[in-house]
């Protein structure tokens, strides 16, 4: 059952923050030491992604971790100076508390609590090292004194509220899922040979992995009333003309040896292959930097962008494991048994890029793009904002330009067809689902504070 805490527009604060932390928040100080102009919110966005990736978290898990971190940072800053409605923590800090210390403490406290739940021991050790190094460096820039202590205290308090609220959100529930065997049903599938992008471990490179996080459709959302709030109608019937059209398109454009896919389409597939939380956060950072936003604005922006992406993964899991639709590589290799005479099989067909081990419908990559693009357009008051961004791993260094956020979202969705890993309907409906999530998230959370 979804907790009421996340259904209301202004969730109630968690009451069990320790008395010692609250005591620190009540301290007063005299004078505010000078802080160098910086944007620690953007810095911790980068550090958070570095640490979660190093810690062995996949993109779905990363979306939850980064949303928790950014919402805690947002609430910590707004406890010092209330500009926007808090998400969860409604405590008040002394106005003398230093924002840089609050940001660092909130981010670190969330990350060091969540990182140990995922990955291998050596991955967790590396991730925690990244976080602690960043935290030490951040606090070294902040003058010692009571305002620093106050900032640390409010950051820890906001983080503690977030961690308490998400402790039993369903993310660690035992997975219960059995792949299908009938036409149209998802089952483990191979990667191209060699794997693209490369996978050093031969045991993993071939693919055929079990389904990833099938329990995620039961995780408590951050902004939606329930995971199924905007549930999609489902993929086209196997015998339909729509399915045959989508089948032929991805077969023609998304194959490893496709002669129809253009050089630009191949570049688009690689460019957008990076995880959604990382790519869309980078877009937010790029556009924000061009507009010279301050910490409060960036905290709100990155909290909203990551929250709707996280909810996109939750809603996507609810829908995809309900319909359990097969991926193109399975469908194209099987072909004829689906009851559609217009879909000829090709048992040797391989995808251009590796297919994640999840059912096809919807493309959560497309959901994330739809959600983030809506938030960005509404945050900046205009969808028609041009920007240029360079991609990150695994195909780092590709630079592309866009005329609007919605243009980027459409290309992001197209990339999954060009990569051979999604049918067109999964991408189109994914954008629609994401747009609904984005509209609700922006309208219902982190509004400007009304005195």
Protein backbone atom coordinates (compact mmCIF):
# COMPACT_ATOMS: atom_id res chain seq x y z
CA UNK A 1 0.00 0.00 0.00
CA UNK A 2 1.32 3.44 -0.89
CA UNK A 3 1.98 5.56 2.16
CA UNK A 4 -0.06 8.75 2.51
CA UNK A 5 3.24 10.53 3.15
CA UNK A 6 3.97 10.65 -0.56
CA UNK A 7 0.42 11.35 -1.81
CA UNK A 8 0.01 14.76 -0.24
CA UNK A 9 1.38 17.86 -1.84
CA UNK A 10 3.36 18.85 1.26
CA UNK A 11 4.37 15.65 3.07
CA UNK A 12 4.55 15.81 6.86
CA UNK A 13 8.03 15.93 8.31
CA UNK A 14 9.53 12.92 10.01
CA UNK A 15 9.35 13.50 13.76
CA UNK A 16 12.03 11.15 14.98
CA UNK A 17 15.11 13.20 14.05
CA UNK A 18 17.42 12.91 17.04
CA UNK A 19 17.21 15.48 19.79
CA UNK A 20 20.92 16.12 19.56
CA UNK A 21 20.65 17.20 15.93
CA UNK A 22 17.69 19.43 16.68
CA UNK A 23 19.62 20.91 19.56
CA UNK A 24 22.40 21.91 17.24
CA UNK A 25 19.88 23.56 14.93
CA UNK A 26 18.72 25.76 17.79
CA UNK A 27 22.17 27.22 18.38
CA UNK A 28 22.67 30.86 17.56
CA UNK A 29 25.72 32.60 16.20
CA UNK A 30 27.06 36.10 15.67
CA UNK A 31 28.00 37.13 12.13
CA UNK A 32 28.23 35.06 8.99
CA UNK A 33 31.71 34.11 7.72
CA UNK A 34 32.27 34.88 4.06
CA UNK A 35 31.71 31.98 1.65
CA UNK A 36 33.38 31.93 -1.74
CA UNK A 37 30.96 32.00 -4.66
CA UNK A 38 30.34 28.41 -5.76
CA UNK A 39 27.60 25.97 -6.54
CA UNK A 40 28.03 22.94 -4.36
CA UNK A 41 24.66 21.58 -5.51
CA UNK A 42 26.03 21.00 -9.01
CA UNK A 43 29.27 19.62 -7.58
CA UNK A 44 27.43 17.06 -5.47
CA UNK A 45 25.31 16.06 -8.43
CA UNK A 46 28.50 15.01 -10.20
CA UNK A 47 29.97 13.39 -7.08
CA UNK A 48 26.75 11.49 -6.44
CA UNK A 49 26.73 9.96 -9.89
CA UNK A 50 30.42 9.07 -9.65
CA UNK A 51 29.90 7.37 -6.30
CA UNK A 52 26.72 5.47 -7.15
CA UNK A 53 28.20 4.13 -10.39
CA UNK A 54 31.40 3.10 -8.59
CA UNK A 55 29.25 1.44 -5.93
CA UNK A 56 27.69 -0.98 -8.41
CA UNK A 57 24.27 0.63 -8.61
CA UNK A 58 22.45 0.31 -11.92
CA UNK A 59 20.57 3.25 -13.42
CA UNK A 60 17.27 2.31 -11.78
CA UNK A 61 18.79 2.22 -8.31
CA UNK A 62 20.85 5.33 -9.03
CA UNK A 63 17.65 7.24 -9.79
CA UNK A 64 16.35 6.52 -6.28
CA UNK A 65 19.63 7.34 -4.54
CA UNK A 66 20.13 10.61 -6.39
CA UNK A 67 16.54 11.70 -5.80
CA UNK A 68 16.90 11.08 -2.07
CA UNK A 69 20.15 13.04 -2.04
CA UNK A 70 18.82 16.02 -3.98
CA UNK A 71 15.56 16.25 -2.04
CA UNK A 72 17.53 16.27 1.22
CA UNK A 73 19.81 19.00 -0.14
CA UNK A 74 16.77 21.02 -1.22
CA UNK A 75 15.14 20.71 2.19
CA UNK A 76 18.36 21.60 4.02
CA UNK A 77 18.78 24.82 2.06
CA UNK A 78 15.15 25.80 2.53
CA UNK A 79 15.44 25.21 6.27
CA UNK A 80 18.07 27.97 6.29
CA UNK A 81 16.15 30.32 4.01
CA UNK A 82 12.64 29.31 2.95
CA UNK A 83 12.32 30.11 -0.75
CA UNK A 84 10.54 26.94 -1.87
CA UNK A 85 8.21 24.51 -0.16
CA UNK A 86 10.09 21.65 1.48
CA UNK A 87 9.55 18.13 0.23
CA UNK A 88 9.74 16.45 3.63
CA UNK A 89 11.84 18.14 6.31
CA UNK A 90 10.13 21.28 7.64
CA UNK A 91 12.55 22.14 10.43
CA UNK A 92 14.07 25.59 10.65
CA UNK A 93 17.76 26.32 10.96
CA UNK A 94 19.41 29.48 12.15
CA UNK A 95 19.82 31.97 9.34
CA UNK A 96 23.53 32.03 10.16
CA UNK A 97 23.94 28.36 9.10
CA UNK A 98 26.27 28.10 6.13
CA UNK A 99 24.63 26.69 2.99
CA UNK A 100 27.79 24.99 1.72
CA UNK A 101 28.08 22.95 4.91
CA UNK A 102 24.39 22.06 4.80
CA UNK A 103 24.60 20.87 1.20
CA UNK A 104 27.67 18.74 1.85
CA UNK A 105 26.25 17.18 5.01
CA UNK A 106 22.87 16.39 3.46
CA UNK A 107 24.43 14.82 0.38
CA UNK A 108 27.03 12.82 2.29
CA UNK A 109 24.60 11.58 4.94
CA UNK A 110 22.24 10.15 2.31
CA UNK A 111 24.98 8.63 0.17
CA UNK A 112 26.88 6.88 2.96
CA UNK A 113 23.61 5.40 4.24
CA UNK A 114 22.41 4.08 0.88
CA UNK A 115 25.67 2.95 -0.76
CA UNK A 116 26.23 -0.06 1.53
CA UNK A 117 22.93 -1.62 0.37
CA UNK A 118 24.14 -2.26 -3.19
CA UNK A 119 27.12 -3.67 -5.06
CA UNK A 120 30.14 -5.75 -4.04
CA UNK A 121 32.32 -4.97 -1.00
CA UNK A 122 35.13 -3.53 -3.11
CA UNK A 123 32.64 -1.38 -5.04
CA UNK A 124 31.11 -0.03 -1.85
CA UNK A 125 34.54 0.78 -0.45
CA UNK A 126 35.45 2.73 -3.57
CA UNK A 127 32.13 4.59 -3.57
CA UNK A 128 32.39 5.57 0.07
CA UNK A 129 35.92 6.79 -0.58
CA UNK A 130 34.66 9.08 -3.33
CA UNK A 131 31.99 10.50 -1.03
CA UNK A 132 34.25 11.03 1.96
CA UNK A 133 36.95 12.68 -0.15
CA UNK A 134 34.39 15.07 -1.62
CA UNK A 135 32.96 15.80 1.82
CA UNK A 136 36.36 16.53 3.34
CA UNK A 137 37.25 18.81 0.43
CA UNK A 138 33.91 20.60 0.66
CA UNK A 139 34.20 21.29 4.39
CA UNK A 140 37.78 22.48 4.07
CA UNK A 141 36.43 25.39 2.01
CA UNK A 142 34.01 26.40 4.79
CA UNK A 143 35.33 28.56 7.66
CA UNK A 144 35.27 26.78 11.02
CA UNK A 145 32.85 28.07 13.61
CA UNK A 146 29.28 27.89 14.79
CA UNK A 147 27.70 28.70 11.37
CA UNK A 148 29.56 25.72 9.88
CA UNK A 149 28.31 23.49 12.69
CA UNK A 150 24.78 24.76 12.18
CA UNK A 151 24.98 24.03 8.48
CA UNK A 152 26.21 20.49 9.06
CA UNK A 153 23.43 19.90 11.58
CA UNK A 154 20.60 20.97 9.31
CA UNK A 155 22.03 18.97 6.41
CA UNK A 156 22.15 15.86 8.57
CA UNK A 157 18.64 16.47 9.86
CA UNK A 158 17.17 16.81 6.36
CA UNK A 159 19.00 13.67 5.28
CA UNK A 160 17.82 11.74 8.35
CA UNK A 161 14.21 12.60 7.56
CA UNK A 162 14.62 11.38 3.99
CA UNK A 163 16.32 8.13 5.04
CA UNK A 164 13.63 7.41 7.60
CA UNK A 165 10.88 7.99 5.05
CA UNK A 166 12.44 5.70 2.43
CA UNK A 167 13.56 2.92 4.76
CA UNK A 168 10.63 0.65 3.86
CA UNK A 169 9.79 1.95 0.38
CA UNK A 170 9.93 -1.50 -1.25
CA UNK A 171 13.22 -1.06 -3.07
CA UNK A 172 14.85 -3.95 -1.18
CA UNK A 173 11.89 -6.33 -1.39
CA UNK A 174 12.53 -9.84 -2.65
CA UNK A 175 12.03 -10.14 -6.40
CA UNK A 176 9.39 -12.62 -7.57
CA UNK A 177 9.24 -13.09 -11.31
CA UNK A 178 9.18 -15.94 -13.82
CA UNK A 179 10.00 -15.26 -17.50
CA UNK A 180 7.47 -16.27 -20.12
CA UNK A 181 7.82 -18.72 -22.99
CA UNK A 182 4.81 -17.91 -25.18
CA UNK A 183 5.00 -15.62 -28.24
CA UNK A 184 5.14 -11.99 -27.12
CA UNK A 185 6.40 -12.75 -23.62
CA UNK A 186 9.75 -11.54 -22.31
CA UNK A 187 12.54 -13.97 -21.63
CA UNK A 188 16.34 -13.52 -21.22
CA UNK A 189 17.98 -12.43 -24.47
CA UNK A 190 21.49 -12.25 -25.95
CA UNK A 191 23.75 -9.29 -26.56
CA UNK A 192 25.40 -8.74 -29.93
CA UNK A 193 28.73 -10.49 -30.40
CA UNK A 194 30.96 -8.83 -29.41
CA UNK A 195 28.97 -6.93 -26.81
CA UNK A 196 28.47 -3.27 -27.67
CA UNK A 197 29.46 -1.40 -25.51
CA UNK A 198 32.20 -3.85 -24.50
CA UNK A 199 31.75 -5.94 -21.35
CA UNK A 200 35.09 -7.29 -20.06
CA UNK A 201 33.62 -10.25 -18.16
CA UNK A 202 32.95 -13.03 -20.72
CA UNK A 203 30.29 -14.52 -18.47
CA UNK A 204 28.32 -11.26 -18.65
CA UNK A 205 29.17 -10.19 -22.20
CA UNK A 206 26.88 -12.74 -23.83
CA UNK A 207 23.76 -11.38 -22.15
CA UNK A 208 20.89 -13.73 -21.31
CA UNK A 209 20.67 -12.17 -17.86
CA UNK A 210 17.65 -12.56 -15.54
CA UNK A 211 15.13 -9.73 -15.38
CA UNK A 212 16.38 -6.64 -13.55
CA UNK A 213 14.54 -5.51 -10.40
CA UNK A 214 11.06 -6.86 -11.18
CA UNK A 215 9.92 -5.64 -7.73
CA UNK A 216 10.53 -2.00 -8.68
CA UNK A 217 6.94 -1.44 -9.77
CA UNK A 218 5.97 -1.68 -6.09
CA UNK A 219 8.42 0.95 -4.85
CA UNK A 220 6.82 3.98 -3.19
CA UNK A 221 6.92 6.86 -5.69
CA UNK A 222 8.39 10.27 -4.94
CA UNK A 223 5.77 12.41 -6.72
CA UNK A 224 3.06 10.09 -8.02
CA UNK A 225 0.08 8.97 -5.95
CA UNK A 226 0.80 5.35 -6.91
CA UNK A 227 3.04 3.45 -9.36
CA UNK A 228 0.01 2.68 -11.55
CA UNK A 229 -1.41 6.23 -11.54
CA UNK A 230 -0.65 6.73 -15.26
CA UNK A 231 -0.56 3.10 -16.34
CA UNK A 232 -0.33 2.71 -20.13
CA UNK A 233 -2.77 0.71 -22.32
CA UNK A 234 -0.18 -1.82 -23.46
CA UNK A 235 1.78 -2.78 -26.60
CA UNK A 236 0.07 -3.53 -29.92
CA UNK A 237 -1.35 -7.01 -30.47
CA UNK A 238 1.08 -9.38 -32.19
CA UNK A 239 -1.29 -9.92 -35.10
CA UNK A 240 -1.84 -6.19 -35.70
CA UNK A 241 -0.53 -4.01 -38.52
CA UNK A 242 0.93 -1.65 -35.90
CA UNK A 243 3.08 -4.41 -34.49
CA UNK A 244 4.23 -5.47 -37.95
CA UNK A 245 5.22 -1.87 -38.72
CA UNK A 246 7.22 -1.51 -35.50
CA UNK A 247 8.78 -4.94 -36.04
CA UNK A 248 10.00 -4.08 -39.51
CA UNK A 249 11.30 -0.66 -38.44
CA UNK A 250 13.51 -1.91 -35.64
CA UNK A 251 14.60 -4.91 -37.70
CA UNK A 252 15.70 -2.59 -40.50
CA UNK A 253 17.27 0.23 -38.45
CA UNK A 254 18.40 -1.43 -35.23
CA UNK A 255 20.39 -4.42 -36.44
CA UNK A 256 24.10 -4.81 -35.84
CA UNK A 257 24.74 -4.98 -39.57
CA UNK A 258 22.03 -2.57 -40.70
CA UNK A 259 22.69 -0.79 -43.99
CA UNK A 260 19.62 1.42 -43.55
CA UNK A 261 20.73 3.10 -40.32
CA UNK A 262 22.61 6.32 -41.11
CA UNK A 263 25.85 7.41 -39.51
CA UNK A 264 23.95 10.07 -37.57
CA UNK A 265 21.40 7.56 -36.34
CA UNK A 266 24.24 5.35 -35.09
CA UNK A 267 25.71 8.36 -33.32
CA UNK A 268 22.33 9.14 -31.74
CA UNK A 269 22.03 5.57 -30.46
CA UNK A 270 25.45 5.80 -28.82
CA UNK A 271 24.99 9.35 -27.54
CA UNK A 272 21.83 8.55 -25.57
CA UNK A 273 22.97 5.13 -24.35
CA UNK A 274 24.19 6.72 -21.12
CA UNK A 275 21.83 6.33 -18.18
CA UNK A 276 18.84 8.68 -18.03
CA UNK A 277 19.52 10.16 -14.59
CA UNK A 278 23.09 11.06 -15.60
CA UNK A 279 22.27 12.48 -19.02
CA UNK A 280 19.29 14.59 -18.02
CA UNK A 281 21.04 15.90 -14.90
CA UNK A 282 23.89 17.00 -17.15
CA UNK A 283 21.41 18.82 -19.38
CA UNK A 284 20.04 20.56 -16.29
CA UNK A 285 23.54 21.57 -15.22
CA UNK A 286 24.43 22.89 -18.68
CA UNK A 287 21.32 25.05 -19.01
CA UNK A 288 21.47 26.20 -15.40
CA UNK A 289 25.10 27.29 -15.73
CA UNK A 290 24.22 29.37 -18.77
CA UNK A 291 21.60 31.20 -16.71
CA UNK A 292 23.65 31.73 -13.58
CA UNK A 293 21.19 30.19 -11.13
CA UNK A 294 21.93 30.10 -7.42
CA UNK A 295 22.07 27.12 -5.06
CA UNK A 296 18.39 27.24 -4.09
CA UNK A 297 17.25 27.21 -7.72
CA UNK A 298 19.64 24.43 -8.67
CA UNK A 299 18.64 22.38 -5.65
CA UNK A 300 15.01 22.61 -6.68
CA UNK A 301 15.76 21.93 -10.35
CA UNK A 302 17.87 18.83 -9.76
CA UNK A 303 15.49 17.50 -7.11
CA UNK A 304 12.54 17.76 -9.50
CA UNK A 305 14.39 16.35 -12.52
CA UNK A 306 15.68 13.36 -10.58
CA UNK A 307 12.39 12.75 -8.75
CA UNK A 308 10.33 12.48 -11.94
CA UNK A 309 12.98 10.25 -13.52
CA UNK A 310 12.91 8.00 -10.46
CA UNK A 311 9.13 7.84 -10.68
CA UNK A 312 9.46 7.08 -14.38
CA UNK A 313 11.41 3.94 -13.52
CA UNK A 314 8.80 2.99 -10.91
CA UNK A 315 5.84 3.55 -13.23
CA UNK A 316 7.73 1.88 -16.07
CA UNK A 317 8.35 -1.23 -13.97
CA UNK A 318 4.68 -1.39 -12.99
CA UNK A 319 3.65 -1.32 -16.65
CA UNK A 320 6.42 -3.44 -18.16
CA UNK A 321 6.02 -6.36 -15.77
CA UNK A 322 2.26 -6.22 -16.19
CA UNK A 323 2.43 -6.66 -19.98
CA UNK A 324 5.77 -8.53 -19.97
CA UNK A 325 6.37 -7.83 -23.67
CA UNK A 326 9.35 -9.32 -25.45
CA UNK A 327 12.32 -7.37 -26.76
CA UNK A 328 13.05 -6.96 -30.48
CA UNK A 329 15.94 -9.43 -30.51
CA UNK A 330 13.68 -12.19 -29.16
CA UNK A 331 10.81 -11.26 -31.44
CA UNK A 332 12.87 -10.99 -34.62
CA UNK A 333 14.67 -14.25 -34.04
CA UNK A 334 11.32 -15.97 -33.43
CA UNK A 335 9.35 -14.09 -36.09
CA UNK A 336 6.69 -16.35 -37.52
CA UNK A 337 5.17 -18.02 -34.40
CA UNK A 338 3.56 -14.72 -33.38
CA UNK A 339 0.57 -15.20 -35.73
CA UNK A 340 1.47 -12.24 -37.94
CA UNK A 341 2.36 -13.20 -41.51
CA UNK A 342 3.96 -9.78 -42.09
CA UNK A 343 6.81 -10.48 -39.65
CA UNK A 344 9.49 -12.70 -41.14
CA UNK A 345 11.98 -14.27 -38.74
CA UNK A 346 15.75 -13.78 -38.85
CA UNK A 347 17.35 -16.24 -36.40
CA UNK A 348 20.78 -14.62 -36.82
CA UNK A 349 19.63 -11.01 -36.20
CA UNK A 350 21.64 -9.06 -33.61
CA UNK A 351 21.03 -5.67 -32.05
CA UNK A 352 23.36 -2.72 -32.65
CA UNK A 353 23.81 -2.11 -28.90
CA UNK A 354 23.32 -4.27 -25.82
CA UNK A 355 19.73 -4.76 -24.66
CA UNK A 356 19.09 -4.19 -20.93
CA UNK A 357 17.47 -7.23 -19.23
CA UNK A 358 13.95 -5.84 -18.94
CA UNK A 359 10.67 -6.24 -20.85
CA UNK A 360 10.15 -3.89 -23.77
CA UNK A 361 7.02 -1.89 -22.97
CA UNK A 362 7.45 0.90 -22.10
CA UNK A 363 10.93 2.22 -22.79
CA UNK A 364 11.81 3.76 -19.43
CA UNK A 365 14.61 5.64 -21.18
CA UNK A 366 11.83 7.40 -23.11
CA UNK A 367 9.74 7.82 -19.96
CA UNK A 368 12.66 9.56 -18.26
CA UNK A 369 13.18 11.87 -21.21
CA UNK A 370 9.51 12.79 -21.37
CA UNK A 371 9.39 13.51 -17.64
CA UNK A 372 12.64 15.46 -17.42
CA UNK A 373 11.92 17.53 -20.53
CA UNK A 374 8.58 18.69 -19.12
CA UNK A 375 10.17 19.69 -15.81
CA UNK A 376 12.97 21.55 -17.56
CA UNK A 377 10.59 23.42 -19.87
CA UNK A 378 8.33 24.46 -17.00
CA UNK A 379 11.18 25.32 -14.68
CA UNK A 380 12.78 27.65 -17.23
CA UNK A 381 9.41 28.87 -18.52
CA UNK A 382 10.06 27.84 -22.10
CA UNK A 383 10.54 24.57 -23.97
CA UNK A 384 12.30 26.32 -26.86
CA UNK A 385 15.69 26.66 -25.19
CA UNK A 386 18.64 25.63 -27.33
CA UNK A 387 21.58 23.86 -25.73
CA UNK A 388 24.58 21.72 -26.57
CA UNK A 389 25.75 18.77 -24.49
CA UNK A 390 28.56 16.22 -24.65
CA UNK A 391 27.80 12.62 -23.73
CA UNK A 392 29.24 10.63 -20.84
CA UNK A 393 30.18 6.91 -20.60
CA UNK A 394 29.99 4.40 -22.12
CA UNK A 395 30.23 6.44 -25.35
CA UNK A 396 31.72 9.59 -23.89
CA UNK A 397 32.75 12.59 -25.95
CA UNK A 398 29.91 12.85 -28.48
CA UNK A 399 28.59 16.41 -28.74
CA UNK A 400 25.11 17.19 -30.05
CA UNK A 401 22.94 20.30 -30.11
CA UNK A 402 19.20 20.65 -29.57
CA UNK A 403 16.67 23.37 -30.24
CA UNK A 404 14.40 22.47 -27.31
CA UNK A 405 13.95 20.08 -24.41
CA UNK A 406 11.19 18.24 -26.25
CA UNK A 407 13.49 17.88 -29.27
CA UNK A 408 16.03 16.17 -27.00
CA UNK A 409 13.33 13.92 -25.53
CA UNK A 410 12.21 12.78 -28.99
CA UNK A 411 15.76 12.04 -30.08
CA UNK A 412 16.38 10.23 -26.80
CA UNK A 413 13.41 7.97 -27.58
CA UNK A 414 14.43 7.48 -31.23
CA UNK A 415 17.82 6.27 -30.03
CA UNK A 416 16.32 3.10 -28.60
CA UNK A 417 14.94 2.08 -32.00
CA UNK A 418 18.26 2.87 -33.70
CA UNK A 419 20.02 0.76 -31.06
CA UNK A 420 17.68 -2.14 -31.83
CA UNK A 421 16.52 -2.49 -28.25
CA UNK A 422 12.93 -1.15 -28.26
CA UNK A 423 9.90 -1.15 -30.52
CA UNK A 424 8.57 2.25 -31.58
CA UNK A 425 5.34 1.99 -29.56
CA UNK A 426 7.32 1.42 -26.37
CA UNK A 427 9.16 4.70 -27.04
CA UNK A 428 6.14 6.76 -28.09
CA UNK A 429 4.01 5.66 -25.15
CA UNK A 430 7.03 6.02 -22.88
CA UNK A 431 7.29 9.72 -23.68
CA UNK A 432 3.56 10.16 -22.97
CA UNK A 433 3.88 8.43 -19.61
CA UNK A 434 6.89 10.56 -18.74
CA UNK A 435 5.10 13.77 -19.66
CA UNK A 436 2.25 12.92 -17.31
CA UNK A 437 4.68 12.23 -14.49
CA UNK A 438 6.62 15.41 -15.21
CA UNK A 439 3.52 17.60 -15.26
CA UNK A 440 2.29 16.24 -11.95
CA UNK A 441 5.70 16.40 -10.28
CA UNK A 442 6.29 20.01 -11.24
CA UNK A 443 2.76 21.12 -10.34
CA UNK A 444 2.57 19.39 -6.97
CA UNK A 445 6.04 19.68 -5.41
CA UNK A 446 8.62 22.28 -4.38
CA UNK A 447 6.55 25.32 -5.26
CA UNK A 448 7.70 28.83 -4.47
CA UNK A 449 7.18 29.51 -0.77
CA UNK A 450 4.16 31.64 0.08
CA UNK A 451 4.55 33.71 3.25
